[in-house]
Amino acid sequence: MKKNNLKKLLVVFMLVFVLTGCTTQLTDKNKKAVTNKTTGQTLTENILCRPEDKDTIKLYEENGVKIEELPKCKNFSIDSGGYEGIWTSLIIKPLAWVIIQFGNMVKYYGLGLIITSLLIRLLAFPITRKTAMQSELIKQAQPELNRLEKKYEGKTDQQSMMKKSNEMALIYKKYNINPISGCLFAFLQIPLFIGFLEAINRVPAIFEENFIGFQLGTTPITGLTHGHYIYLILTVIVGLTTYFSLKLNSASNPDNQQMQMMTKVMFVIILVTSFFMTSALNIYWITTNLFTVVQNLLVKIKKEKV
């Protein structure tokens, strides 16, 4: 797939996302965000199903949301509420329904979220495996790529750049490297991440639940400010799994200083962001990171045996 095509797909996705709606914040008559004082979470206005917590129900009713018109979360179906735009009807509702179904089966919606995350990663395995394989192939080709860089070091004229580009293409062909294929899942992760974010925020059964000691709708920063230091565990695990995930990817090109710097910057951004993501979204992120680490290790072991 050409870069121009990727850009076009990204533009189309953004247009669909912007034009078909997204999560909206619940506000009071003064246009201030409504917050659950117990959990510290900011509530979502366009929830998909009915909350169960009495305090949460009261907050919604006080601010004009007709709770009685919504289905119970355990009875939520893909067509509940009718058609609500491409993004909500084709992405958010099916994703929320799958999480709810697994949650009903295993009695915990947090566990349902984990199972759904793993299921999606398994379905995407043919694509993510290619991404992991590309990293290993680049690692094999790195000595030749380094020699090529030294050969054309300091040469910026058009003829030299064309020769360098042609020789690099030959190296990529020799090792069966396709740089674009390594970007495919990175592109898919954008709508997946936003989809999980919206499904979590719009399904009370998820953000009301306490799972393995964490209130799923609460962010670590909110938990810490209320003296619940257990939420620090989430950010530590996010940091560790992100570090190893990025390390395995950057190991394919250890001599590329720009890539190493980008990896460090990404790590810091994700770690800081984890403090402001809900516990449910942090659990999703940890699950996908662990899957990526295990997958990359298996690909690496298999490649070394060949």
Protein backbone atom coordinates (compact mmCIF):
# COMPACT_ATOMS: atom_id res chain seq x y z
CA MET A 1 0.00 0.00 0.00
CA LYS A 2 1.42 3.38 -1.00
CA LYS A 3 1.93 6.18 1.50
CA ASN A 4 -0.54 8.39 -0.37
CA ASN A 5 -3.19 5.70 0.00
CA LEU A 6 -2.50 5.48 3.73
CA LYS A 7 -2.93 9.23 4.04
CA LYS A 8 -6.23 9.06 2.15
CA LEU A 9 -7.50 6.27 4.41
CA LEU A 10 -6.52 8.28 7.48
CA VAL A 11 -8.37 11.35 6.16
CA VAL A 12 -11.47 9.22 5.42
CA PHE A 13 -11.39 7.72 8.91
CA MET A 14 -11.07 11.13 10.56
CA LEU A 15 -13.99 12.47 8.51
CA VAL A 16 -16.17 9.49 9.47
CA PHE A 17 -15.19 9.90 13.12
CA VAL A 18 -15.84 13.65 13.20
CA LEU A 19 -19.10 13.58 11.21
CA THR A 20 -20.77 10.62 12.89
CA GLY A 21 -20.44 11.55 16.54
CA CYS A 22 -18.39 10.58 19.55
CA THR A 23 -18.52 10.62 23.33
CA THR A 24 -20.08 13.76 24.80
CA GLN A 25 -19.53 14.96 28.34
CA LEU A 26 -22.43 15.27 30.77
CA THR A 27 -22.74 18.91 31.90
CA ASP A 28 -24.96 20.70 34.39
CA LYS A 29 -27.04 23.85 33.82
CA ASN A 30 -23.87 25.94 34.23
CA LYS A 31 -22.15 23.93 31.48
CA LYS A 32 -19.74 22.40 33.98
CA ALA A 33 -18.74 18.74 33.73
CA VAL A 34 -20.72 16.48 36.06
CA THR A 35 -18.48 14.35 38.26
CA ASN A 36 -19.29 11.35 40.41
CA LYS A 37 -17.96 12.43 43.82
CA THR A 38 -17.43 8.85 44.96
CA THR A 39 -15.27 7.71 42.04
CA GLY A 40 -14.05 11.11 40.82
CA GLN A 41 -14.90 10.23 37.22
CA THR A 42 -16.38 12.68 34.74
CA LEU A 43 -19.64 11.23 33.41
CA THR A 44 -20.54 10.69 29.76
CA GLU A 45 -23.87 12.06 28.51
CA ASN A 46 -24.62 9.73 25.56
CA ILE A 47 -24.37 6.43 27.44
CA LEU A 48 -25.60 3.32 25.64
CA CYS A 49 -27.31 1.57 28.55
CA ARG A 50 -28.70 2.17 32.01
CA PRO A 51 -26.41 2.69 35.04
CA GLU A 52 -27.06 0.68 38.21
CA ASP A 53 -25.41 2.86 40.85
CA LYS A 54 -28.04 4.99 42.64
CA ASP A 55 -25.82 8.06 42.92
CA THR A 56 -24.93 7.86 39.24
CA ILE A 57 -28.59 7.48 38.24
CA LYS A 58 -29.47 10.53 40.33
CA LEU A 59 -26.77 12.62 38.62
CA TYR A 60 -28.04 11.67 35.19
CA GLU A 61 -31.68 12.34 36.05
CA GLU A 62 -30.83 15.71 37.62
CA ASN A 63 -29.14 16.74 34.38
CA GLY A 64 -31.87 15.76 31.93
CA VAL A 65 -30.85 12.26 30.81
CA LYS A 66 -33.88 9.93 30.55
CA ILE A 67 -32.44 6.78 32.09
CA GLU A 68 -35.70 4.83 31.84
CA GLU A 69 -35.52 4.92 28.02
CA LEU A 70 -32.22 3.04 28.01
CA PRO A 71 -31.89 -0.77 28.15
CA LYS A 72 -30.16 -2.48 31.05
CA CYS A 73 -26.51 -3.06 30.17
CA LYS A 74 -26.81 -6.82 30.52
CA ASN A 75 -29.65 -6.73 27.94
CA PHE A 76 -27.90 -4.33 25.56
CA SER A 77 -27.99 -5.35 21.88
CA ILE A 78 -26.20 -3.98 18.81
CA ASP A 79 -29.41 -2.36 17.52
CA SER A 80 -30.37 -0.77 20.86
CA GLY A 81 -31.22 2.89 20.33
CA GLY A 82 -31.46 2.51 16.57
CA TYR A 83 -29.03 3.89 14.01
CA GLU A 84 -26.70 6.54 15.47
CA GLY A 85 -24.24 7.18 12.65
CA ILE A 86 -21.54 5.04 11.05
CA TRP A 87 -18.99 5.31 13.87
CA THR A 88 -21.37 4.53 16.74
CA SER A 89 -23.52 1.93 14.95
CA LEU A 90 -20.74 0.00 13.20
CA ILE A 91 -17.86 0.33 15.67
CA ILE A 92 -18.87 1.40 19.18
CA LYS A 93 -22.08 -0.60 19.63
CA PRO A 94 -20.70 -3.92 18.32
CA LEU A 95 -17.56 -3.48 20.43
CA ALA A 96 -19.59 -2.60 23.53
CA TRP A 97 -21.92 -5.56 22.87
CA VAL A 98 -19.00 -8.01 22.65
CA ILE A 99 -17.48 -6.70 25.91
CA ILE A 100 -20.87 -6.95 27.63
CA GLN A 101 -21.48 -10.50 26.35
CA PHE A 102 -18.12 -11.73 27.63
CA GLY A 103 -18.71 -9.80 30.86
CA ASN A 104 -22.05 -11.52 31.34
CA MET A 105 -20.43 -14.90 30.71
CA VAL A 106 -17.51 -14.48 33.16
CA LYS A 107 -19.41 -12.25 35.65
CA TYR A 108 -16.85 -9.41 35.41
CA TYR A 109 -16.94 -6.73 32.72
CA GLY A 110 -13.28 -5.95 33.35
CA LEU A 111 -12.45 -9.53 32.45
CA GLY A 112 -14.79 -9.24 29.47
CA LEU A 113 -12.74 -6.23 28.35
CA ILE A 114 -9.52 -8.26 28.58
CA ILE A 115 -11.01 -11.20 26.64
CA THR A 116 -12.30 -8.84 23.93
CA SER A 117 -8.87 -7.18 23.64
CA LEU A 118 -7.16 -10.56 23.25
CA LEU A 119 -9.76 -11.76 20.74
CA ILE A 120 -9.22 -8.70 18.54
CA ARG A 121 -5.45 -9.12 18.71
CA LEU A 122 -5.80 -12.78 17.74
CA LEU A 123 -7.97 -11.82 14.76
CA ALA A 124 -5.36 -9.21 13.78
CA PHE A 125 -2.49 -11.67 14.28
CA PRO A 126 -1.78 -12.18 10.54
CA ILE A 127 -1.15 -8.42 10.25
CA THR A 128 0.72 -7.96 13.54
CA ARG A 129 2.87 -11.01 12.83
CA LYS A 130 4.05 -9.36 9.60
CA THR A 131 4.90 -6.22 11.57
CA ALA A 132 6.95 -8.24 14.06
CA MET A 133 8.62 -10.17 11.24
CA GLN A 134 9.59 -6.92 9.51
CA SER A 135 11.45 -5.85 12.65
CA GLU A 136 13.46 -9.07 12.62
CA LEU A 137 14.19 -8.77 8.89
CA ILE A 138 15.40 -5.18 9.33
CA LYS A 139 17.66 -6.39 12.14
CA GLN A 140 19.23 -8.93 9.75
CA ALA A 141 19.69 -6.31 7.04
CA GLN A 142 21.07 -3.67 9.43
CA PRO A 143 24.80 -4.28 8.72
CA GLU A 144 24.25 -3.71 4.98
CA LEU A 145 22.05 -0.69 5.65
CA ASN A 146 24.77 0.78 7.91
CA ARG A 147 27.40 0.27 5.20
CA LEU A 148 25.09 2.00 2.73
CA GLU A 149 24.71 4.99 5.06
CA LYS A 150 28.50 5.29 5.40
CA LYS A 151 28.96 4.95 1.65
CA TYR A 152 26.77 7.97 0.95
CA GLU A 153 27.59 9.93 4.09
CA GLY A 154 27.82 13.64 3.29
CA LYS A 155 26.53 13.19 -0.27
CA THR A 156 23.38 15.23 -0.81
CA ASP A 157 23.32 15.68 -4.60
CA GLN A 158 20.34 14.26 -6.49
CA GLN A 159 22.34 11.59 -8.35
CA SER A 160 23.82 10.20 -5.11
CA MET A 161 20.43 10.20 -3.44
CA MET A 162 18.91 8.27 -6.35
CA LYS A 163 21.72 5.70 -6.26
CA LYS A 164 21.32 5.34 -2.50
CA SER A 165 17.56 4.88 -2.86
CA ASN A 166 18.03 2.20 -5.56
CA GLU A 167 20.63 0.31 -3.52
CA MET A 168 18.41 0.45 -0.43
CA ALA A 169 15.53 -0.95 -2.49
CA LEU A 170 17.77 -3.86 -3.53
CA ILE A 171 18.66 -4.57 0.11
CA TYR A 172 14.99 -4.50 1.07
CA LYS A 173 14.21 -6.87 -1.78
CA LYS A 174 17.04 -9.20 -0.75
CA TYR A 175 15.68 -9.53 2.78
CA ASN A 176 12.00 -9.37 1.72
CA ILE A 177 11.42 -6.16 3.69
CA ASN A 178 8.25 -4.17 3.08
CA PRO A 179 8.35 -0.99 5.25
CA ILE A 180 4.69 -0.18 4.61
CA SER A 181 3.45 -3.53 5.97
CA GLY A 182 5.03 -2.64 9.30
CA CYS A 183 2.71 0.40 9.53
CA LEU A 184 -0.57 -1.39 8.88
CA PHE A 185 -1.44 -2.34 12.45
CA ALA A 186 -0.15 1.00 13.75
CA PHE A 187 -2.80 2.55 11.49
CA LEU A 188 -5.48 0.13 12.73
CA GLN A 189 -4.61 0.84 16.36
CA ILE A 190 -5.94 4.40 16.10
CA PRO A 191 -9.63 3.48 15.57
CA LEU A 192 -9.26 0.48 17.92
CA PHE A 193 -7.96 2.62 20.76
CA ILE A 194 -10.63 5.29 20.25
CA GLY A 195 -13.27 2.55 19.91
CA PHE A 196 -12.32 0.98 23.25
CA LEU A 197 -12.17 4.42 24.86
CA GLU A 198 -15.72 5.22 23.74
CA ALA A 199 -17.11 1.78 24.56
CA ILE A 200 -15.71 2.09 28.09
CA ASN A 201 -16.98 5.63 28.60
CA ARG A 202 -20.46 4.91 27.21
CA VAL A 203 -21.21 1.62 29.01
CA PRO A 204 -22.00 2.16 32.73
CA ALA A 205 -21.64 -1.57 33.43
CA ILE A 206 -17.95 -1.13 32.64
CA PHE A 207 -17.13 2.22 34.23
CA GLU A 208 -19.16 1.47 37.39
CA GLU A 209 -17.45 -1.84 38.12
CA ASN A 210 -14.75 -2.57 40.67
CA PHE A 211 -12.36 -5.10 39.18
CA ILE A 212 -9.35 -6.59 41.04
CA GLY A 213 -9.30 -3.54 43.32
CA PHE A 214 -9.69 -0.86 40.65
CA GLN A 215 -12.80 1.20 39.95
CA LEU A 216 -12.78 0.95 36.16
CA GLY A 217 -14.11 4.45 35.49
CA THR A 218 -11.54 6.14 37.74
CA THR A 219 -8.23 7.46 36.44
CA PRO A 220 -5.03 6.77 38.41
CA ILE A 221 -4.51 10.50 39.01
CA THR A 222 -7.99 10.72 40.57
CA GLY A 223 -7.41 7.60 42.64
CA LEU A 224 -4.08 8.91 43.90
CA THR A 225 -5.55 12.30 44.86
CA HIS A 226 -8.14 10.42 46.96
CA GLY A 227 -5.37 8.50 48.73
CA HIS A 228 -5.87 5.19 46.86
CA TYR A 229 -2.24 4.43 46.06
CA ILE A 230 -3.11 1.05 44.57
CA TYR A 231 -3.77 2.93 41.30
CA LEU A 232 -0.03 3.57 41.06
CA ILE A 233 0.31 -0.16 40.27
CA LEU A 234 -1.56 0.39 37.00
CA THR A 235 0.80 3.10 35.80
CA VAL A 236 3.84 1.03 36.79
CA ILE A 237 2.56 -1.98 34.83
CA VAL A 238 1.69 0.26 31.85
CA GLY A 239 5.23 1.65 32.00
CA LEU A 240 6.89 -1.77 32.19
CA THR A 241 4.83 -3.40 29.43
CA THR A 242 5.22 -0.34 27.19
CA TYR A 243 8.98 -0.29 27.78
CA PHE A 244 9.44 -3.92 26.78
CA SER A 245 7.06 -3.59 23.83
CA LEU A 246 8.93 -0.56 22.46
CA LYS A 247 12.30 -2.08 23.27
CA LEU A 248 11.58 -5.18 21.19
CA ASN A 249 10.56 -3.01 18.23
CA SER A 250 13.49 -0.59 18.48
CA ALA A 251 15.96 -3.48 18.87
CA SER A 252 15.59 -4.08 15.14
CA ASN A 253 17.50 -0.85 14.48
CA PRO A 254 19.80 -0.16 17.48
CA ASP A 255 22.09 2.19 15.53
CA ASN A 256 19.31 4.55 14.46
CA GLN A 257 19.62 7.37 16.99
CA GLN A 258 16.48 9.09 15.74
CA MET A 259 14.42 5.94 16.27
CA GLN A 260 15.90 5.43 19.74
CA MET A 261 15.00 9.01 20.68
CA MET A 262 11.47 8.60 19.31
CA THR A 263 11.08 5.41 21.36
CA LYS A 264 12.08 7.22 24.55
CA VAL A 265 9.71 10.11 23.81
CA MET A 266 6.83 7.70 23.10
CA PHE A 267 7.51 5.87 26.36
CA VAL A 268 7.36 9.09 28.38
CA ILE A 269 4.17 10.27 26.60
CA ILE A 270 2.37 6.94 27.16
CA LEU A 271 3.48 6.76 30.81
CA VAL A 272 2.26 10.30 31.56
CA THR A 273 -0.99 9.71 29.62
CA SER A 274 -1.70 6.55 31.64
CA PHE A 275 -2.27 8.71 34.74
CA PHE A 276 -5.21 10.37 32.98
CA MET A 277 -6.73 7.29 31.30
CA THR A 278 -9.48 5.37 33.07
CA SER A 279 -8.44 2.17 34.82
CA ALA A 280 -10.38 0.17 32.20
CA LEU A 281 -8.43 1.79 29.36
CA ASN A 282 -5.15 1.18 31.20
CA ILE A 283 -6.08 -2.51 31.55
CA TYR A 284 -6.80 -2.62 27.80
CA TRP A 285 -3.41 -1.02 27.09
CA ILE A 286 -1.59 -3.47 29.38
CA THR A 287 -3.34 -6.42 27.71
CA THR A 288 -2.35 -5.32 24.20
CA ASN A 289 1.22 -4.59 25.32
CA LEU A 290 1.59 -8.06 26.85
CA PHE A 291 0.20 -9.65 23.70
CA THR A 292 2.69 -7.67 21.58
CA VAL A 293 5.64 -8.65 23.79
CA VAL A 294 4.76 -12.37 23.73
CA GLN A 295 4.08 -12.27 19.98
CA ASN A 296 7.39 -10.53 19.18
CA LEU A 297 9.34 -12.94 21.38
CA LEU A 298 7.76 -15.95 19.65
CA VAL A 299 8.51 -14.48 16.20
CA LYS A 300 12.09 -13.76 17.27
CA ILE A 301 12.61 -17.31 18.60
CA LYS A 302 11.13 -18.82 15.44
CA LYS A 303 13.31 -16.60 13.24
CA GLU A 304 16.47 -17.60 15.13
CA LYS A 305 15.67 -21.29 14.61
CA VAL A 306 15.37 -20.87 10.84
